[in-house]
């Protein structure tokens, strides 16, 4: 298929309307068959559950053009499972996981002309989401829902390479114990907006949130999980019941152990031990790994040995290996790559 006339190298990380999107509605206790449509407008009641009580969840994944010319997605089954879990926690009817994967395939195929070519540095971002659509005035779950997927071509999260960033320890809490921190609910991101705007105004790229109970343990940032490398070159991954189960983080853990032969320590991580670590990174779909050069804790600077100029050596190997798997340069574990066409 002939590609759209887009300057792929100039793309930022933003929205561009594409040709097709998938829409399915839940009514009378069942999801309909769904349809691919050119209509990008959502029409709902002014009293829709999503507008009144924020009953919505979403996912994010990407389609890539591999070195051998195939269009693929990376581990969409995990996105399907995570969205299933998010929906259940929000008292929404989960969209069937097999249908989720098929809908992703159908939408990407329908917009294949927007999948950036290999080597461009750009990808096709895929956004599945679901929301309560019928009128709800009392505080209760909606009775009707809409599940949608749109796609948009995006450029690399970092222009000119992934330079280490400076982040701060936040005074805000990201999630409550037994709350919704472990699911991808829109409300989690709404509450983080004031904190991230505050951080940006103070000159920081992101917030690091601590556990709300004791404020002594590392949780995650507003939009990514955190990983560390200790003095022995081992990967240290914070563990908590309120951390979102990042697909990128889980993949990096596997890559560290199985591809790079690293020891991985998934456990509670105290803020007090962070100065002993050599490297730090934020991991997620958008950038894979964002290297952190410095953490500022209320004026006290924690500077990592890897510095502010480039990724540390261990995080660089993790990044290169995972992106190599995604782009087809390195053989992937079984089931990780879903070939679209």
C-alpha atoms as a PDB file:
ATOM      1  CA  UNK A   1       0.000   0.000   0.000  1.00  0.00           C
ATOM      2  CA  UNK A   2       1.247   3.453  -0.895  1.00  0.00           C
ATOM      3  CA  UNK A   3       2.064   5.523   2.173  1.00  0.00           C
ATOM      4  CA  UNK A   4       0.498   8.891   2.905  1.00  0.00           C
ATOM      5  CA  UNK A   5       2.474  11.949   1.911  1.00  0.00           C
ATOM      6  CA  UNK A   6       3.727  12.747   5.409  1.00  0.00           C
ATOM      7  CA  UNK A   7       7.092  14.110   6.477  1.00  0.00           C
ATOM      8  CA  UNK A   8       7.708  11.238   8.908  1.00  0.00           C
ATOM      9  CA  UNK A   9      10.919  12.733  10.277  1.00  0.00           C
ATOM     10  CA  UNK A  10       9.094  15.922  11.281  1.00  0.00           C
ATOM     11  CA  UNK A  11       6.310  14.211  13.225  1.00  0.00           C
ATOM     12  CA  UNK A  12       5.853  15.112  16.867  1.00  0.00           C
ATOM     13  CA  UNK A  13       3.998  13.140  19.522  1.00  0.00           C
ATOM     14  CA  UNK A  14       0.521  14.408  18.721  1.00  0.00           C
ATOM     15  CA  UNK A  15      -2.802  13.569  17.100  1.00  0.00           C
ATOM     16  CA  UNK A  16      -3.365  13.335  13.344  1.00  0.00           C
ATOM     17  CA  UNK A  17      -6.756  12.188  12.095  1.00  0.00           C
ATOM     18  CA  UNK A  18      -6.509   8.949  10.112  1.00  0.00           C
ATOM     19  CA  UNK A  19      -9.000   7.263   7.784  1.00  0.00           C
ATOM     20  CA  UNK A  20     -10.680   4.625   9.941  1.00  0.00           C
ATOM     21  CA  UNK A  21     -11.479   3.871  13.584  1.00  0.00           C
ATOM     22  CA  UNK A  22     -13.280   0.972  15.296  1.00  0.00           C
ATOM     23  CA  UNK A  23     -16.492   1.473  17.299  1.00  0.00           C
ATOM     24  CA  UNK A  24     -18.542  -1.069  19.271  1.00  0.00           C
ATOM     25  CA  UNK A  25     -21.485  -0.370  21.587  1.00  0.00           C
ATOM     26  CA  UNK A  26     -22.664  -2.251  24.677  1.00  0.00           C
ATOM     27  CA  UNK A  27     -26.466  -2.248  25.039  1.00  0.00           C
ATOM     28  CA  UNK A  28     -28.961  -4.640  26.603  1.00  0.00           C
ATOM     29  CA  UNK A  29     -26.188  -6.633  28.225  1.00  0.00           C
ATOM     30  CA  UNK A  30     -24.063  -7.368  25.138  1.00  0.00           C
ATOM     31  CA  UNK A  31     -21.442  -5.866  22.842  1.00  0.00           C
ATOM     32  CA  UNK A  32     -22.472  -5.476  19.197  1.00  0.00           C
ATOM     33  CA  UNK A  33     -20.267  -6.658  16.338  1.00  0.00           C
ATOM     34  CA  UNK A  34     -18.587  -3.291  15.966  1.00  0.00           C
ATOM     35  CA  UNK A  35     -17.731  -1.416  12.794  1.00  0.00           C
ATOM     36  CA  UNK A  36     -14.888   0.411  11.101  1.00  0.00           C
ATOM     37  CA  UNK A  37     -15.995   3.955  10.362  1.00  0.00           C
ATOM     38  CA  UNK A  38     -14.658   7.193   8.913  1.00  0.00           C
ATOM     39  CA  UNK A  39     -16.642   9.236  11.461  1.00  0.00           C
ATOM     40  CA  UNK A  40     -14.271  10.541  14.138  1.00  0.00           C
ATOM     41  CA  UNK A  41     -16.969  12.298  16.167  1.00  0.00           C
ATOM     42  CA  UNK A  42     -18.385  10.909  19.438  1.00  0.00           C
ATOM     43  CA  UNK A  43     -22.008  11.885  20.141  1.00  0.00           C
ATOM     44  CA  UNK A  44     -23.289  11.172  23.663  1.00  0.00           C
ATOM     45  CA  UNK A  45     -25.821  12.525  26.127  1.00  0.00           C
ATOM     46  CA  UNK A  46     -24.917  15.561  28.196  1.00  0.00           C
ATOM     47  CA  UNK A  47     -25.596  13.304  31.188  1.00  0.00           C
ATOM     48  CA  UNK A  48     -23.402  10.408  29.984  1.00  0.00           C
ATOM     49  CA  UNK A  49     -21.732   8.396  32.734  1.00  0.00           C
ATOM     50  CA  UNK A  50     -18.276   9.319  31.502  1.00  0.00           C
ATOM     51  CA  UNK A  51     -19.038  13.043  31.799  1.00  0.00           C
ATOM     52  CA  UNK A  52     -20.627  12.839  35.229  1.00  0.00           C
ATOM     53  CA  UNK A  53     -18.512  10.257  37.055  1.00  0.00           C
ATOM     54  CA  UNK A  54     -15.385   9.707  34.909  1.00  0.00           C
ATOM     55  CA  UNK A  55     -16.265   6.091  34.103  1.00  0.00           C
ATOM     56  CA  UNK A  56     -13.600   5.483  31.475  1.00  0.00           C
ATOM     57  CA  UNK A  57     -10.409   3.518  30.882  1.00  0.00           C
ATOM     58  CA  UNK A  58      -7.921   3.314  28.032  1.00  0.00           C
ATOM     59  CA  UNK A  59      -4.837   1.623  26.625  1.00  0.00           C
ATOM     60  CA  UNK A  60      -1.849   2.622  24.522  1.00  0.00           C
ATOM     61  CA  UNK A  61       0.241   0.511  22.148  1.00  0.00           C
ATOM     62  CA  UNK A  62       2.049   0.895  18.834  1.00  0.00           C
ATOM     63  CA  UNK A  63       2.337  -0.609  15.373  1.00  0.00           C
ATOM     64  CA  UNK A  64       5.763  -0.696  13.735  1.00  0.00           C
ATOM     65  CA  UNK A  65       7.258  -1.397  10.356  1.00  0.00           C
ATOM     66  CA  UNK A  66       9.978  -3.987  10.926  1.00  0.00           C
ATOM     67  CA  UNK A  67      13.291  -4.251   9.134  1.00  0.00           C
ATOM     68  CA  UNK A  68      11.872  -6.896   6.770  1.00  0.00           C
ATOM     69  CA  UNK A  69       8.876  -4.724   5.859  1.00  0.00           C
ATOM     70  CA  UNK A  70       6.105  -6.256   7.978  1.00  0.00           C
ATOM     71  CA  UNK A  71       3.659  -4.210  10.029  1.00  0.00           C
ATOM     72  CA  UNK A  72       3.514  -5.585  13.572  1.00  0.00           C
ATOM     73  CA  UNK A  73       2.206  -4.823  17.060  1.00  0.00           C
ATOM     74  CA  UNK A  74       4.015  -5.522  20.299  1.00  0.00           C
ATOM     75  CA  UNK A  75       2.260  -7.785  22.842  1.00  0.00           C
ATOM     76  CA  UNK A  76      -1.332  -6.574  22.263  1.00  0.00           C
ATOM     77  CA  UNK A  77      -2.611  -9.515  24.318  1.00  0.00           C
ATOM     78  CA  UNK A  78      -1.251  -7.819  27.442  1.00  0.00           C
ATOM     79  CA  UNK A  79      -3.049  -4.584  26.575  1.00  0.00           C
ATOM     80  CA  UNK A  80      -6.252  -6.580  26.097  1.00  0.00           C
ATOM     81  CA  UNK A  81      -5.841  -8.227  29.510  1.00  0.00           C
ATOM     82  CA  UNK A  82      -4.995  -4.964  31.271  1.00  0.00           C
ATOM     83  CA  UNK A  83      -8.020  -3.229  29.763  1.00  0.00           C
ATOM     84  CA  UNK A  84     -10.176  -6.173  30.838  1.00  0.00           C
ATOM     85  CA  UNK A  85      -8.902  -5.712  34.411  1.00  0.00           C
ATOM     86  CA  UNK A  86      -9.427  -1.932  34.271  1.00  0.00           C
ATOM     87  CA  UNK A  87     -13.006  -2.355  33.085  1.00  0.00           C
ATOM     88  CA  UNK A  88     -13.841  -4.843  35.832  1.00  0.00           C
ATOM     89  CA  UNK A  89     -12.468  -2.519  38.517  1.00  0.00           C
ATOM     90  CA  UNK A  90     -14.615   0.345  37.182  1.00  0.00           C
ATOM     91  CA  UNK A  91     -17.766  -1.834  36.959  1.00  0.00           C
ATOM     92  CA  UNK A  92     -17.699  -1.705  33.163  1.00  0.00           C
ATOM     93  CA  UNK A  93     -18.384  -4.722  30.923  1.00  0.00           C
ATOM     94  CA  UNK A  94     -14.957  -5.880  29.675  1.00  0.00           C
ATOM     95  CA  UNK A  95     -14.517  -5.931  25.920  1.00  0.00           C
ATOM     96  CA  UNK A  96     -13.568  -9.540  25.039  1.00  0.00           C
ATOM     97  CA  UNK A  97      -9.803  -9.922  24.827  1.00  0.00           C
ATOM     98  CA  UNK A  98      -9.806 -11.831  21.537  1.00  0.00           C
ATOM     99  CA  UNK A  99     -12.050  -9.194  19.968  1.00  0.00           C
ATOM    100  CA  UNK A 100      -9.777  -6.445  21.334  1.00  0.00           C
ATOM    101  CA  UNK A 101      -6.800  -7.967  19.500  1.00  0.00           C
ATOM    102  CA  UNK A 102      -8.790  -8.448  16.297  1.00  0.00           C
ATOM    103  CA  UNK A 103     -10.044  -4.862  16.436  1.00  0.00           C
ATOM    104  CA  UNK A 104      -6.456  -3.625  16.794  1.00  0.00           C
ATOM    105  CA  UNK A 105      -5.473  -5.676  13.738  1.00  0.00           C
ATOM    106  CA  UNK A 106      -8.446  -4.389  11.722  1.00  0.00           C
ATOM    107  CA  UNK A 107      -7.824  -0.727  12.565  1.00  0.00           C
ATOM    108  CA  UNK A 108      -4.113  -0.921  11.783  1.00  0.00           C
ATOM    109  CA  UNK A 109      -4.794  -2.699   8.477  1.00  0.00           C
ATOM    110  CA  UNK A 110      -7.382  -0.075   7.552  1.00  0.00           C
ATOM    111  CA  UNK A 111      -4.822   2.658   8.233  1.00  0.00           C
ATOM    112  CA  UNK A 112      -1.734   0.890   6.877  1.00  0.00           C
ATOM    113  CA  UNK A 113      -0.914   3.927   4.751  1.00  0.00           C
ATOM    114  CA  UNK A 114      -0.272   5.827   7.997  1.00  0.00           C
ATOM    115  CA  UNK A 115       2.196   3.297   9.442  1.00  0.00           C
ATOM    116  CA  UNK A 116       5.576   5.038   9.184  1.00  0.00           C
ATOM    117  CA  UNK A 117       8.328   3.275   7.217  1.00  0.00           C
ATOM    118  CA  UNK A 118      11.157   1.422   8.926  1.00  0.00           C
ATOM    119  CA  UNK A 119      14.035   3.659   9.949  1.00  0.00           C
ATOM    120  CA  UNK A 120      11.941   6.843  10.076  1.00  0.00           C
ATOM    121  CA  UNK A 121      11.920   6.919  13.870  1.00  0.00           C
ATOM    122  CA  UNK A 122       8.131   7.217  13.764  1.00  0.00           C
ATOM    123  CA  UNK A 123       5.421   4.689  14.675  1.00  0.00           C
ATOM    124  CA  UNK A 124       1.642   4.313  14.607  1.00  0.00           C
ATOM    125  CA  UNK A 125       0.196   4.943  18.058  1.00  0.00           C
ATOM    126  CA  UNK A 126      -2.941   2.930  18.875  1.00  0.00           C
ATOM    127  CA  UNK A 127      -5.442   4.192  21.457  1.00  0.00           C
ATOM    128  CA  UNK A 128      -8.232   1.825  22.578  1.00  0.00           C
ATOM    129  CA  UNK A 129     -10.652   3.344  25.089  1.00  0.00           C
ATOM    130  CA  UNK A 130     -14.046   2.711  26.671  1.00  0.00           C
ATOM    131  CA  UNK A 131     -16.567   4.901  28.445  1.00  0.00           C
ATOM    132  CA  UNK A 132     -20.050   4.985  29.951  1.00  0.00           C
ATOM    133  CA  UNK A 133     -22.319   6.475  27.275  1.00  0.00           C
ATOM    134  CA  UNK A 134     -25.910   6.578  28.547  1.00  0.00           C
ATOM    135  CA  UNK A 135     -27.403   9.175  30.946  1.00  0.00           C
ATOM    136  CA  UNK A 136     -26.470   8.586  34.599  1.00  0.00           C
ATOM    137  CA  UNK A 137     -27.486  11.118  37.245  1.00  0.00           C
ATOM    138  CA  UNK A 138     -27.375   8.943  40.371  1.00  0.00           C
ATOM    139  CA  UNK A 139     -23.950   7.688  41.430  1.00  0.00           C
ATOM    140  CA  UNK A 140     -23.897   4.251  39.820  1.00  0.00           C
ATOM    141  CA  UNK A 141     -22.349   2.468  36.833  1.00  0.00           C
ATOM    142  CA  UNK A 142     -23.724   3.262  33.389  1.00  0.00           C
ATOM    143  CA  UNK A 143     -25.908   0.733  31.564  1.00  0.00           C
ATOM    144  CA  UNK A 144     -24.463   1.389  28.109  1.00  0.00           C
ATOM    145  CA  UNK A 145     -20.846   1.740  26.940  1.00  0.00           C
ATOM    146  CA  UNK A 146     -18.810   2.474  23.867  1.00  0.00           C
ATOM    147  CA  UNK A 147     -15.470   0.893  22.996  1.00  0.00           C
ATOM    148  CA  UNK A 148     -13.371   2.659  20.388  1.00  0.00           C
ATOM    149  CA  UNK A 149      -9.908   2.466  18.841  1.00  0.00           C
ATOM    150  CA  UNK A 150      -8.243   5.232  16.866  1.00  0.00           C
ATOM    151  CA  UNK A 151      -4.691   5.410  15.546  1.00  0.00           C
ATOM    152  CA  UNK A 152      -2.344   8.274  14.778  1.00  0.00           C
ATOM    153  CA  UNK A 153       1.208   8.403  13.412  1.00  0.00           C
ATOM    154  CA  UNK A 154       3.660   9.836  15.941  1.00  0.00           C
ATOM    155  CA  UNK A 155       7.296  10.778  15.888  1.00  0.00           C
ATOM    156  CA  UNK A 156       9.899   9.666  18.406  1.00  0.00           C
ATOM    157  CA  UNK A 157       9.181  10.803  21.930  1.00  0.00           C
ATOM    158  CA  UNK A 158      12.638  12.381  22.031  1.00  0.00           C
ATOM    159  CA  UNK A 159      13.905  14.491  19.161  1.00  0.00           C
ATOM    160  CA  UNK A 160      17.649  14.117  18.732  1.00  0.00           C
ATOM    161  CA  UNK A 161      18.031  11.229  21.135  1.00  0.00           C
ATOM    162  CA  UNK A 162      16.995  10.368  24.658  1.00  0.00           C
ATOM    163  CA  UNK A 163      18.806  12.857  26.854  1.00  0.00           C
ATOM    164  CA  UNK A 164      18.591  12.235  30.605  1.00  0.00           C
ATOM    165  CA  UNK A 165      15.904  14.237  32.365  1.00  0.00           C
ATOM    166  CA  UNK A 166      15.568  15.773  35.822  1.00  0.00           C
ATOM    167  CA  UNK A 167      12.576  14.742  37.928  1.00  0.00           C
ATOM    168  CA  UNK A 168      11.319  15.691  41.375  1.00  0.00           C
ATOM    169  CA  UNK A 169       9.850  13.916  44.364  1.00  0.00           C
ATOM    170  CA  UNK A 170       6.217  14.996  44.430  1.00  0.00           C
ATOM    171  CA  UNK A 171       4.295  16.232  47.440  1.00  0.00           C
ATOM    172  CA  UNK A 172       1.139  14.822  45.878  1.00  0.00           C
ATOM    173  CA  UNK A 173      -0.029  11.206  46.026  1.00  0.00           C
ATOM    174  CA  UNK A 174      -0.674   9.329  42.795  1.00  0.00           C
ATOM    175  CA  UNK A 175      -2.875   6.550  44.189  1.00  0.00           C
ATOM    176  CA  UNK A 176      -4.460   5.445  47.432  1.00  0.00           C
ATOM    177  CA  UNK A 177      -3.970   2.044  49.053  1.00  0.00           C
ATOM    178  CA  UNK A 178      -6.632  -0.293  47.601  1.00  0.00           C
ATOM    179  CA  UNK A 179      -7.466   2.428  45.059  1.00  0.00           C
ATOM    180  CA  UNK A 180      -7.147   2.496  41.261  1.00  0.00           C
ATOM    181  CA  UNK A 181      -3.415   2.958  40.795  1.00  0.00           C
ATOM    182  CA  UNK A 182      -3.047  -0.534  39.327  1.00  0.00           C
ATOM    183  CA  UNK A 183      -5.485   0.059  36.450  1.00  0.00           C
ATOM    184  CA  UNK A 184      -5.390   2.414  33.473  1.00  0.00           C
ATOM    185  CA  UNK A 185      -8.312   4.615  34.448  1.00  0.00           C
ATOM    186  CA  UNK A 186      -8.706   8.101  33.035  1.00  0.00           C
ATOM    187  CA  UNK A 187      -9.304   9.473  36.532  1.00  0.00           C
ATOM    188  CA  UNK A 188      -5.734   8.525  37.544  1.00  0.00           C
ATOM    189  CA  UNK A 189      -4.380  10.824  34.861  1.00  0.00           C
ATOM    190  CA  UNK A 190      -6.833  13.641  35.573  1.00  0.00           C
ATOM    191  CA  UNK A 191      -5.615  13.894  39.166  1.00  0.00           C
ATOM    192  CA  UNK A 192      -1.988  13.948  37.989  1.00  0.00           C
ATOM    193  CA  UNK A 193      -2.410  16.980  35.721  1.00  0.00           C
ATOM    194  CA  UNK A 194      -2.018  19.608  38.429  1.00  0.00           C
ATOM    195  CA  UNK A 195       1.079  17.834  39.738  1.00  0.00           C
ATOM    196  CA  UNK A 196       2.730  17.597  36.306  1.00  0.00           C
ATOM    197  CA  UNK A 197       1.941  21.216  35.405  1.00  0.00           C
ATOM    198  CA  UNK A 198       3.437  22.247  38.750  1.00  0.00           C
ATOM    199  CA  UNK A 199       6.560  20.165  38.066  1.00  0.00           C
ATOM    200  CA  UNK A 200       6.962  21.625  34.582  1.00  0.00           C
ATOM    201  CA  UNK A 201       6.590  25.159  35.910  1.00  0.00           C
ATOM    202  CA  UNK A 202       9.377  24.395  38.365  1.00  0.00           C
ATOM    203  CA  UNK A 203      11.642  23.116  35.582  1.00  0.00           C
ATOM    204  CA  UNK A 204      11.243  19.364  36.077  1.00  0.00           C
ATOM    205  CA  UNK A 205      10.286  16.814  33.437  1.00  0.00           C
ATOM    206  CA  UNK A 206       8.204  14.575  35.705  1.00  0.00           C
ATOM    207  CA  UNK A 207       7.137  13.703  39.243  1.00  0.00           C
ATOM    208  CA  UNK A 208       8.137  10.659  41.211  1.00  0.00           C
ATOM    209  CA  UNK A 209       5.354   9.613  43.556  1.00  0.00           C
ATOM    210  CA  UNK A 210       5.975   7.910  46.881  1.00  0.00           C
ATOM    211  CA  UNK A 211       3.716   5.413  48.605  1.00  0.00           C
ATOM    212  CA  UNK A 212       0.849   7.330  50.243  1.00  0.00           C
ATOM    213  CA  UNK A 213       0.996   5.316  53.466  1.00  0.00           C
ATOM    214  CA  UNK A 214       4.533   6.054  54.642  1.00  0.00           C
ATOM    215  CA  UNK A 215       5.941   8.320  51.896  1.00  0.00           C
ATOM    216  CA  UNK A 216       9.216   6.401  52.094  1.00  0.00           C
ATOM    217  CA  UNK A 217       8.931   4.031  49.103  1.00  0.00           C
ATOM    218  CA  UNK A 218       9.243   4.675  45.370  1.00  0.00           C
ATOM    219  CA  UNK A 219       6.039   4.098  43.394  1.00  0.00           C
ATOM    220  CA  UNK A 220       6.062   5.468  39.817  1.00  0.00           C
ATOM    221  CA  UNK A 221       5.678   8.696  37.850  1.00  0.00           C
ATOM    222  CA  UNK A 222       2.503  10.173  36.428  1.00  0.00           C
ATOM    223  CA  UNK A 223       2.853   8.263  33.168  1.00  0.00           C
ATOM    224  CA  UNK A 224       5.590   5.637  33.523  1.00  0.00           C
ATOM    225  CA  UNK A 225       7.067   2.958  35.755  1.00  0.00           C
ATOM    226  CA  UNK A 226      10.561   3.413  37.221  1.00  0.00           C
ATOM    227  CA  UNK A 227      13.598   1.135  36.991  1.00  0.00           C
ATOM    228  CA  UNK A 228      17.014   1.394  38.627  1.00  0.00           C
ATOM    229  CA  UNK A 229      20.427  -0.199  38.166  1.00  0.00           C
ATOM    230  CA  UNK A 230      22.372  -0.895  41.354  1.00  0.00           C
ATOM    231  CA  UNK A 231      26.114  -0.771  41.992  1.00  0.00           C
ATOM    232  CA  UNK A 232      26.499  -4.396  40.881  1.00  0.00           C
ATOM    233  CA  UNK A 233      24.753  -3.829  37.557  1.00  0.00           C
ATOM    234  CA  UNK A 234      21.525  -5.540  38.643  1.00  0.00           C
ATOM    235  CA  UNK A 235      18.107  -4.258  37.604  1.00  0.00           C
ATOM    236  CA  UNK A 236      16.013  -3.057  40.563  1.00  0.00           C
ATOM    237  CA  UNK A 237      12.281  -2.685  39.947  1.00  0.00           C
ATOM    238  CA  UNK A 238       9.928  -1.110  42.522  1.00  0.00           C
ATOM    239  CA  UNK A 239       7.036  -3.361  43.517  1.00  0.00           C
ATOM    240  CA  UNK A 240       3.709  -2.180  44.902  1.00  0.00           C
ATOM    241  CA  UNK A 241       0.025  -3.018  44.662  1.00  0.00           C
ATOM    242  CA  UNK A 242      -0.760   0.481  43.400  1.00  0.00           C
ATOM    243  CA  UNK A 243       1.758   0.581  40.518  1.00  0.00           C
ATOM    244  CA  UNK A 244       0.331   0.213  37.003  1.00  0.00           C
ATOM    245  CA  UNK A 245       1.549  -3.094  35.492  1.00  0.00           C
ATOM    246  CA  UNK A 246       3.486  -1.563  32.611  1.00  0.00           C
ATOM    247  CA  UNK A 247       3.865  -3.829  29.591  1.00  0.00           C
ATOM    248  CA  UNK A 248       7.166  -2.155  28.755  1.00  0.00           C
ATOM    249  CA  UNK A 249       8.454  -2.736  32.291  1.00  0.00           C
ATOM    250  CA  UNK A 250       7.467  -6.403  32.256  1.00  0.00           C
ATOM    251  CA  UNK A 251       9.139  -6.820  28.886  1.00  0.00           C
ATOM    252  CA  UNK A 252      12.319  -5.120  30.100  1.00  0.00           C
ATOM    253  CA  UNK A 253      12.457  -7.456  33.101  1.00  0.00           C
ATOM    254  CA  UNK A 254      12.312 -10.450  30.751  1.00  0.00           C
ATOM    255  CA  UNK A 255      14.930  -8.946  28.429  1.00  0.00           C
ATOM    256  CA  UNK A 256      17.232  -8.212  31.364  1.00  0.00           C
ATOM    257  CA  UNK A 257      17.076 -11.799  32.625  1.00  0.00           C
ATOM    258  CA  UNK A 258      16.836 -13.835  29.430  1.00  0.00           C
ATOM    259  CA  UNK A 259      18.736 -11.743  26.878  1.00  0.00           C
ATOM    260  CA  UNK A 260      21.298  -9.850  28.957  1.00  0.00           C
ATOM    261  CA  UNK A 261      21.792 -12.287  31.840  1.00  0.00           C
ATOM    262  CA  UNK A 262      21.153  -9.647  34.490  1.00  0.00           C
ATOM    263  CA  UNK A 263      19.839 -10.304  37.952  1.00  0.00           C
ATOM    264  CA  UNK A 264      16.471  -8.638  38.476  1.00  0.00           C
ATOM    265  CA  UNK A 265      15.304  -7.615  41.936  1.00  0.00           C
ATOM    266  CA  UNK A 266      11.570  -6.744  42.021  1.00  0.00           C
ATOM    267  CA  UNK A 267      10.810  -5.434  45.508  1.00  0.00           C
ATOM    268  CA  UNK A 268       9.821  -2.449  47.585  1.00  0.00           C
ATOM    269  CA  UNK A 269      12.401   0.294  47.026  1.00  0.00           C
ATOM    270  CA  UNK A 270      13.040   2.894  49.698  1.00  0.00           C
ATOM    271  CA  UNK A 271      13.747   6.489  48.689  1.00  0.00           C
ATOM    272  CA  UNK A 272      16.672   6.411  51.128  1.00  0.00           C
ATOM    273  CA  UNK A 273      18.506   3.788  49.033  1.00  0.00           C
ATOM    274  CA  UNK A 274      18.131   5.580  45.675  1.00  0.00           C
ATOM    275  CA  UNK A 275      21.422   7.535  46.099  1.00  0.00           C
ATOM    276  CA  UNK A 276      23.228   4.174  46.006  1.00  0.00           C
ATOM    277  CA  UNK A 277      21.940   3.329  42.516  1.00  0.00           C
ATOM    278  CA  UNK A 278      23.996   3.955  39.381  1.00  0.00           C
ATOM    279  CA  UNK A 279      21.268   4.412  36.769  1.00  0.00           C
ATOM    280  CA  UNK A 280      17.581   5.283  36.600  1.00  0.00           C
ATOM    281  CA  UNK A 281      14.965   5.240  33.867  1.00  0.00           C
ATOM    282  CA  UNK A 282      11.250   5.758  33.298  1.00  0.00           C
ATOM    283  CA  UNK A 283       9.670   3.095  31.104  1.00  0.00           C
ATOM    284  CA  UNK A 284       6.496   3.135  29.030  1.00  0.00           C
ATOM    285  CA  UNK A 285       5.048   2.734  25.552  1.00  0.00           C
ATOM    286  CA  UNK A 286       5.810   6.238  24.300  1.00  0.00           C
ATOM    287  CA  UNK A 287       9.575   6.399  24.824  1.00  0.00           C
ATOM    288  CA  UNK A 288      10.395   2.799  25.872  1.00  0.00           C
ATOM    289  CA  UNK A 289      12.927   4.177  28.394  1.00  0.00           C
ATOM    290  CA  UNK A 290      13.457   7.796  29.406  1.00  0.00           C
ATOM    291  CA  UNK A 291      16.832   8.040  31.182  1.00  0.00           C
ATOM    292  CA  UNK A 292      16.899  10.006  34.432  1.00  0.00           C
ATOM    293  CA  UNK A 293      20.057  11.903  35.288  1.00  0.00           C
ATOM    294  CA  UNK A 294      18.914  13.602  38.470  1.00  0.00           C
ATOM    295  CA  UNK A 295      16.179  13.352  41.098  1.00  0.00           C
ATOM    296  CA  UNK A 296      15.528  16.395  43.276  1.00  0.00           C
ATOM    297  CA  UNK A 297      14.037  15.703  46.700  1.00  0.00           C
ATOM    298  CA  UNK A 298      12.981  19.066  48.158  1.00  0.00           C
ATOM    299  CA  UNK A 299      16.251  20.737  47.244  1.00  0.00           C
ATOM    300  CA  UNK A 300      18.453  17.700  47.795  1.00  0.00           C
ATOM    301  CA  UNK A 301      19.906  16.426  44.514  1.00  0.00           C
ATOM    302  CA  UNK A 302      20.379  12.728  43.787  1.00  0.00           C
ATOM    303  CA  UNK A 303      22.705  12.559  40.792  1.00  0.00           C
ATOM    304  CA  UNK A 304      23.240   9.261  39.020  1.00  0.00           C
ATOM    305  CA  UNK A 305      26.675   8.142  37.916  1.00  0.00           C
ATOM    306  CA  UNK A 306      25.378   7.757  34.356  1.00  0.00           C
ATOM    307  CA  UNK A 307      25.180  11.561  34.166  1.00  0.00           C
ATOM    308  CA  UNK A 308      23.107  14.059  32.201  1.00  0.00           C
ATOM    309  CA  UNK A 309      24.509  13.491  28.709  1.00  0.00           C
ATOM    310  CA  UNK A 310      23.420   9.977  27.722  1.00  0.00           C
ATOM    311  CA  UNK A 311      21.807   6.771  28.929  1.00  0.00           C
ATOM    312  CA  UNK A 312      23.781   4.673  31.348  1.00  0.00           C
ATOM    313  CA  UNK A 313      25.359   1.502  29.883  1.00  0.00           C
ATOM    314  CA  UNK A 314      22.865  -0.999  31.338  1.00  0.00           C
ATOM    315  CA  UNK A 315      19.775   1.020  30.447  1.00  0.00           C
ATOM    316  CA  UNK A 316      21.204   1.575  26.961  1.00  0.00           C
ATOM    317  CA  UNK A 317      21.548  -2.191  26.474  1.00  0.00           C
ATOM    318  CA  UNK A 318      17.991  -2.717  27.698  1.00  0.00           C
ATOM    319  CA  UNK A 319      16.709  -0.038  25.332  1.00  0.00           C
ATOM    320  CA  UNK A 320      18.648  -1.337  22.342  1.00  0.00           C
ATOM    321  CA  UNK A 321      17.560  -4.923  22.936  1.00  0.00           C
ATOM    322  CA  UNK A 322      13.859  -4.210  23.420  1.00  0.00           C
ATOM    323  CA  UNK A 323      13.623  -1.832  20.459  1.00  0.00           C
ATOM    324  CA  UNK A 324      15.592  -4.368  18.412  1.00  0.00           C
ATOM    325  CA  UNK A 325      12.949  -6.972  19.239  1.00  0.00           C
ATOM    326  CA  UNK A 326      10.124  -4.573  18.388  1.00  0.00           C
ATOM    327  CA  UNK A 327      11.663  -3.608  15.056  1.00  0.00           C
ATOM    328  CA  UNK A 328      12.557  -7.144  14.021  1.00  0.00           C
ATOM    329  CA  UNK A 329      16.329  -6.812  14.281  1.00  0.00           C
ATOM    330  CA  UNK A 330      16.463  -9.264  17.203  1.00  0.00           C
ATOM    331  CA  UNK A 331      14.476 -12.485  17.460  1.00  0.00           C
ATOM    332  CA  UNK A 332      11.481 -12.024  19.745  1.00  0.00           C
ATOM    333  CA  UNK A 333      10.209 -14.402  22.425  1.00  0.00           C
ATOM    334  CA  UNK A 334       7.304 -16.500  21.229  1.00  0.00           C
ATOM    335  CA  UNK A 335       4.029 -14.589  21.188  1.00  0.00           C
ATOM    336  CA  UNK A 336       5.502 -11.110  21.599  1.00  0.00           C
ATOM    337  CA  UNK A 337       5.052  -9.924  18.019  1.00  0.00           C
ATOM    338  CA  UNK A 338       1.628  -9.823  16.354  1.00  0.00           C
ATOM    339  CA  UNK A 339       2.089  -9.576  12.577  1.00  0.00           C
ATOM    340  CA  UNK A 340      -0.570  -7.361  11.009  1.00  0.00           C
ATOM    341  CA  UNK A 341       0.528  -7.724   7.397  1.00  0.00           C
END
